[in-house]
């Protein structure tokens, strides 16, 4: 089973390799999500920091 998964992964990565553009998009989404979390935390906790 693990060998089958490895072969499948090799086929997928050889046919459509991850690109820098895709990683950049994922990084941007992650950064936006983290910024929203920080904004909500600040709105809930105010200037007092973490609880």
PDB file of N, CA and C in Angstrom:
ATOM      1  N   UNK A   1       0.813  -1.200   0.000  1.00  0.00           N
ATOM      2  CA  UNK A   1       0.000   0.000   0.000  1.00  0.00           C
ATOM      3  C   UNK A   1       0.864   1.276   0.000  1.00  0.00           C
ATOM      4  N   UNK A   2       1.874   1.394   0.880  1.00  0.00           N
ATOM      5  CA  UNK A   2       2.704   2.607   0.858  1.00  0.00           C
ATOM      6  C   UNK A   2       3.426   2.792  -0.479  1.00  0.00           C
ATOM      7  N   UNK A   3       3.847   1.693  -1.081  1.00  0.00           N
ATOM      8  CA  UNK A   3       4.528   1.794  -2.373  1.00  0.00           C
ATOM      9  C   UNK A   3       3.572   2.325  -3.442  1.00  0.00           C
ATOM     10  N   UNK A   4       2.328   1.900  -3.393  1.00  0.00           N
ATOM     11  CA  UNK A   4       1.327   2.382  -4.338  1.00  0.00           C
ATOM     12  C   UNK A   4       1.109   3.877  -4.161  1.00  0.00           C
ATOM     13  N   UNK A   5       1.034   4.315  -2.918  1.00  0.00           N
ATOM     14  CA  UNK A   5       0.860   5.747  -2.647  1.00  0.00           C
ATOM     15  C   UNK A   5       2.065   6.542  -3.131  1.00  0.00           C
ATOM     16  N   UNK A   6       3.264   5.994  -2.955  1.00  0.00           N
ATOM     17  CA  UNK A   6       4.473   6.678  -3.408  1.00  0.00           C
ATOM     18  C   UNK A   6       4.499   6.799  -4.930  1.00  0.00           C
ATOM     19  N   UNK A   7       4.124   5.742  -5.615  1.00  0.00           N
ATOM     20  CA  UNK A   7       4.084   5.781  -7.084  1.00  0.00           C
ATOM     21  C   UNK A   7       3.046   6.790  -7.551  1.00  0.00           C
ATOM     22  N   UNK A   8       1.898   6.802  -6.932  1.00  0.00           N
ATOM     23  CA  UNK A   8       0.850   7.754  -7.288  1.00  0.00           C
ATOM     24  C   UNK A   8       1.329   9.188  -7.064  1.00  0.00           C
ATOM     25  N   UNK A   9       2.003   9.431  -5.947  1.00  0.00           N
ATOM     26  CA  UNK A   9       2.527  10.769  -5.662  1.00  0.00           C
ATOM     27  C   UNK A   9       3.563  11.180  -6.696  1.00  0.00           C
ATOM     28  N   UNK A  10       4.421  10.258  -7.101  1.00  0.00           N
ATOM     29  CA  UNK A  10       5.429  10.577  -8.131  1.00  0.00           C
ATOM     30  C   UNK A  10       4.755  10.944  -9.443  1.00  0.00           C
ATOM     31  N   UNK A  11       3.708  10.226  -9.805  1.00  0.00           N
ATOM     32  CA  UNK A  11       2.992  10.519 -11.049  1.00  0.00           C
ATOM     33  C   UNK A  11       2.349  11.903 -10.974  1.00  0.00           C
ATOM     34  N   UNK A  12       1.709  12.205  -9.865  1.00  0.00           N
ATOM     35  CA  UNK A  12       1.042  13.503  -9.709  1.00  0.00           C
ATOM     36  C   UNK A  12       2.056  14.629  -9.785  1.00  0.00           C
ATOM     37  N   UNK A  13       3.162  14.513  -9.051  1.00  0.00           N
ATOM     38  CA  UNK A  13       4.155  15.583  -9.053  1.00  0.00           C
ATOM     39  C   UNK A  13       4.875  15.715 -10.384  1.00  0.00           C
ATOM     40  N   UNK A  14       4.998  14.634 -11.131  1.00  0.00           N
ATOM     41  CA  UNK A  14       5.652  14.742 -12.434  1.00  0.00           C
ATOM     42  C   UNK A  14       4.726  15.362 -13.474  1.00  0.00           C
ATOM     43  N   UNK A  15       3.406  15.162 -13.342  1.00  0.00           N
ATOM     44  CA  UNK A  15       2.479  15.725 -14.318  1.00  0.00           C
ATOM     45  C   UNK A  15       2.104  17.169 -13.992  1.00  0.00           C
ATOM     46  N   UNK A  16       2.014  17.510 -12.719  1.00  0.00           N
ATOM     47  CA  UNK A  16       1.712  18.903 -12.372  1.00  0.00           C
ATOM     48  C   UNK A  16       2.526  19.298 -11.137  1.00  0.00           C
ATOM     49  N   UNK A  17       3.783  19.666 -11.344  1.00  0.00           N
ATOM     50  CA  UNK A  17       4.642  20.008 -10.212  1.00  0.00           C
ATOM     51  C   UNK A  17       4.175  21.298  -9.537  1.00  0.00           C
ATOM     52  N   UNK A  18       4.372  21.400  -8.237  1.00  0.00           N
ATOM     53  CA  UNK A  18       4.014  22.633  -7.538  1.00  0.00           C
ATOM     54  C   UNK A  18       4.885  23.779  -8.038  1.00  0.00           C
ATOM     55  N   UNK A  19       4.297  24.938  -8.160  1.00  0.00           N
ATOM     56  CA  UNK A  19       5.032  26.088  -8.673  1.00  0.00           C
ATOM     57  C   UNK A  19       5.207  27.131  -7.591  1.00  0.00           C
ATOM     58  N   UNK A  20       6.146  28.030  -7.799  1.00  0.00           N
ATOM     59  CA  UNK A  20       6.344  29.119  -6.856  1.00  0.00           C
ATOM     60  C   UNK A  20       5.086  29.967  -6.744  1.00  0.00           C
ATOM     61  N   UNK A  21       4.372  30.130  -7.858  1.00  0.00           N
ATOM     62  CA  UNK A  21       3.137  30.921  -7.848  1.00  0.00           C
ATOM     63  C   UNK A  21       2.112  30.290  -6.910  1.00  0.00           C
ATOM     64  N   UNK A  22       1.983  28.983  -6.961  1.00  0.00           N
ATOM     65  CA  UNK A  22       1.018  28.293  -6.096  1.00  0.00           C
ATOM     66  C   UNK A  22       1.409  28.453  -4.633  1.00  0.00           C
ATOM     67  N   UNK A  23       2.697  28.296  -4.324  1.00  0.00           N
ATOM     68  CA  UNK A  23       3.148  28.472  -2.949  1.00  0.00           C
ATOM     69  C   UNK A  23       2.934  29.903  -2.485  1.00  0.00           C
ATOM     70  N   UNK A  24       3.117  30.854  -3.380  1.00  0.00           N
ATOM     71  CA  UNK A  24       2.906  32.261  -3.040  1.00  0.00           C
ATOM     72  C   UNK A  24       1.440  32.507  -2.704  1.00  0.00           C
ATOM     73  N   UNK A  25       0.535  31.912  -3.490  1.00  0.00           N
ATOM     74  CA  UNK A  25      -0.902  32.061  -3.227  1.00  0.00           C
ATOM     75  C   UNK A  25      -1.267  31.468  -1.871  1.00  0.00           C
ATOM     76  N   UNK A  26      -0.738  30.301  -1.570  1.00  0.00           N
ATOM     77  CA  UNK A  26      -1.028  29.653  -0.283  1.00  0.00           C
ATOM     78  C   UNK A  26      -0.491  30.507   0.856  1.00  0.00           C
ATOM     79  N   UNK A  27       0.710  31.050   0.685  1.00  0.00           N
ATOM     80  CA  UNK A  27       1.319  31.896   1.714  1.00  0.00           C
ATOM     81  C   UNK A  27       0.487  33.152   1.942  1.00  0.00           C
ATOM     82  N   UNK A  28      -0.026  33.745   0.862  1.00  0.00           N
ATOM     83  CA  UNK A  28      -0.861  34.946   0.988  1.00  0.00           C
ATOM     84  C   UNK A  28      -2.157  34.640   1.733  1.00  0.00           C
ATOM     85  N   UNK A  29      -2.781  33.523   1.428  1.00  0.00           N
ATOM     86  CA  UNK A  29      -4.014  33.142   2.113  1.00  0.00           C
ATOM     87  C   UNK A  29      -3.731  32.919   3.596  1.00  0.00           C
ATOM     88  N   UNK A  30      -2.626  32.226   3.887  1.00  0.00           N
ATOM     89  CA  UNK A  30      -2.262  31.984   5.287  1.00  0.00           C
ATOM     90  C   UNK A  30      -2.005  33.296   6.020  1.00  0.00           C
ATOM     91  N   UNK A  31      -1.294  34.219   5.378  1.00  0.00           N
ATOM     92  CA  UNK A  31      -1.008  35.510   6.006  1.00  0.00           C
ATOM     93  C   UNK A  31      -2.285  36.303   6.270  1.00  0.00           C
ATOM     94  N   UNK A  32      -3.210  36.274   5.325  1.00  0.00           N
ATOM     95  CA  UNK A  32      -4.490  36.971   5.512  1.00  0.00           C
ATOM     96  C   UNK A  32      -5.273  36.360   6.674  1.00  0.00           C
ATOM     97  N   UNK A  33      -5.279  35.029   6.747  1.00  0.00           N
ATOM     98  CA  UNK A  33      -5.988  34.347   7.830  1.00  0.00           C
ATOM     99  C   UNK A  33      -5.375  34.696   9.177  1.00  0.00           C
ATOM    100  N   UNK A  34      -4.045  34.684   9.262  1.00  0.00           N
ATOM    101  CA  UNK A  34      -3.376  35.016  10.519  1.00  0.00           C
ATOM    102  C   UNK A  34      -3.641  36.469  10.912  1.00  0.00           C
ATOM    103  N   UNK A  35      -3.686  37.367   9.940  1.00  0.00           N
ATOM    104  CA  UNK A  35      -3.967  38.775  10.231  1.00  0.00           C
ATOM    105  C   UNK A  35      -5.387  38.930  10.781  1.00  0.00           C
ATOM    106  N   UNK A  36      -6.350  38.191  10.207  1.00  0.00           N
ATOM    107  CA  UNK A  36      -7.726  38.244  10.717  1.00  0.00           C
ATOM    108  C   UNK A  36      -7.803  37.699  12.137  1.00  0.00           C
ATOM    109  N   UNK A  37      -7.071  36.622  12.400  1.00  0.00           N
ATOM    110  CA  UNK A  37      -7.072  36.053  13.756  1.00  0.00           C
ATOM    111  C   UNK A  37      -6.523  37.061  14.751  1.00  0.00           C
ATOM    112  N   UNK A  38      -5.413  37.712  14.386  1.00  0.00           N
ATOM    113  CA  UNK A  38      -4.832  38.711  15.281  1.00  0.00           C
ATOM    114  C   UNK A  38      -5.791  39.869  15.496  1.00  0.00           C
ATOM    115  N   UNK A  39      -6.518  40.269  14.465  1.00  0.00           N
ATOM    116  CA  UNK A  39      -7.488  41.348  14.587  1.00  0.00           C
ATOM    117  C   UNK A  39      -8.623  40.981  15.522  1.00  0.00           C
ATOM    118  N   UNK A  40      -9.105  39.748  15.415  1.00  0.00           N
ATOM    119  CA  UNK A  40     -10.172  39.297  16.304  1.00  0.00           C
ATOM    120  C   UNK A  40      -9.678  39.193  17.742  1.00  0.00           C
ATOM    121  N   UNK A  41      -8.465  38.707  17.912  1.00  0.00           N
ATOM    122  CA  UNK A  41      -7.908  38.577  19.253  1.00  0.00           C
ATOM    123  C   UNK A  41      -7.787  39.955  19.905  1.00  0.00           C
ATOM    124  N   UNK A  42      -7.354  40.936  19.138  1.00  0.00           N
ATOM    125  CA  UNK A  42      -7.210  42.282  19.670  1.00  0.00           C
ATOM    126  C   UNK A  42      -8.585  42.867  20.011  1.00  0.00           C
ATOM    127  N   UNK A  43      -9.577  42.564  19.182  1.00  0.00           N
ATOM    128  CA  UNK A  43     -10.925  43.091  19.440  1.00  0.00           C
ATOM    129  C   UNK A  43     -11.508  42.469  20.716  1.00  0.00           C
ATOM    130  N   UNK A  44     -11.202  41.215  20.968  1.00  0.00           N
ATOM    131  CA  UNK A  44     -11.752  40.541  22.142  1.00  0.00           C
ATOM    132  C   UNK A  44     -10.982  40.913  23.405  1.00  0.00           C
ATOM    133  N   UNK A  45      -9.643  40.907  23.315  1.00  0.00           N
ATOM    134  CA  UNK A  45      -8.822  41.110  24.494  1.00  0.00           C
ATOM    135  C   UNK A  45      -8.438  42.568  24.730  1.00  0.00           C
ATOM    136  N   UNK A  46      -8.599  43.401  23.705  1.00  0.00           N
ATOM    137  CA  UNK A  46      -8.192  44.799  23.835  1.00  0.00           C
ATOM    138  C   UNK A  46      -6.684  44.910  23.953  1.00  0.00           C
ATOM    139  N   UNK A  47      -6.220  45.860  24.709  1.00  0.00           N
ATOM    140  CA  UNK A  47      -4.791  46.084  24.859  1.00  0.00           C
ATOM    141  C   UNK A  47      -4.196  45.298  26.013  1.00  0.00           C
ATOM    142  N   UNK A  48      -4.958  44.417  26.635  1.00  0.00           N
ATOM    143  CA  UNK A  48      -4.481  43.698  27.808  1.00  0.00           C
ATOM    144  C   UNK A  48      -3.652  42.481  27.474  1.00  0.00           C
ATOM    145  N   UNK A  49      -3.533  42.133  26.213  1.00  0.00           N
ATOM    146  CA  UNK A  49      -2.736  40.967  25.841  1.00  0.00           C
ATOM    147  C   UNK A  49      -3.521  39.679  25.956  1.00  0.00           C
ATOM    148  N   UNK A  50      -2.800  38.592  26.124  1.00  0.00           N
ATOM    149  CA  UNK A  50      -3.465  37.287  26.176  1.00  0.00           C
ATOM    150  C   UNK A  50      -3.988  37.003  27.575  1.00  0.00           C
ATOM    151  N   UNK A  51      -4.956  36.122  27.630  1.00  0.00           N
ATOM    152  CA  UNK A  51      -5.564  35.782  28.915  1.00  0.00           C
ATOM    153  C   UNK A  51      -4.830  34.608  29.522  1.00  0.00           C
TER     154      UNK A  51
END
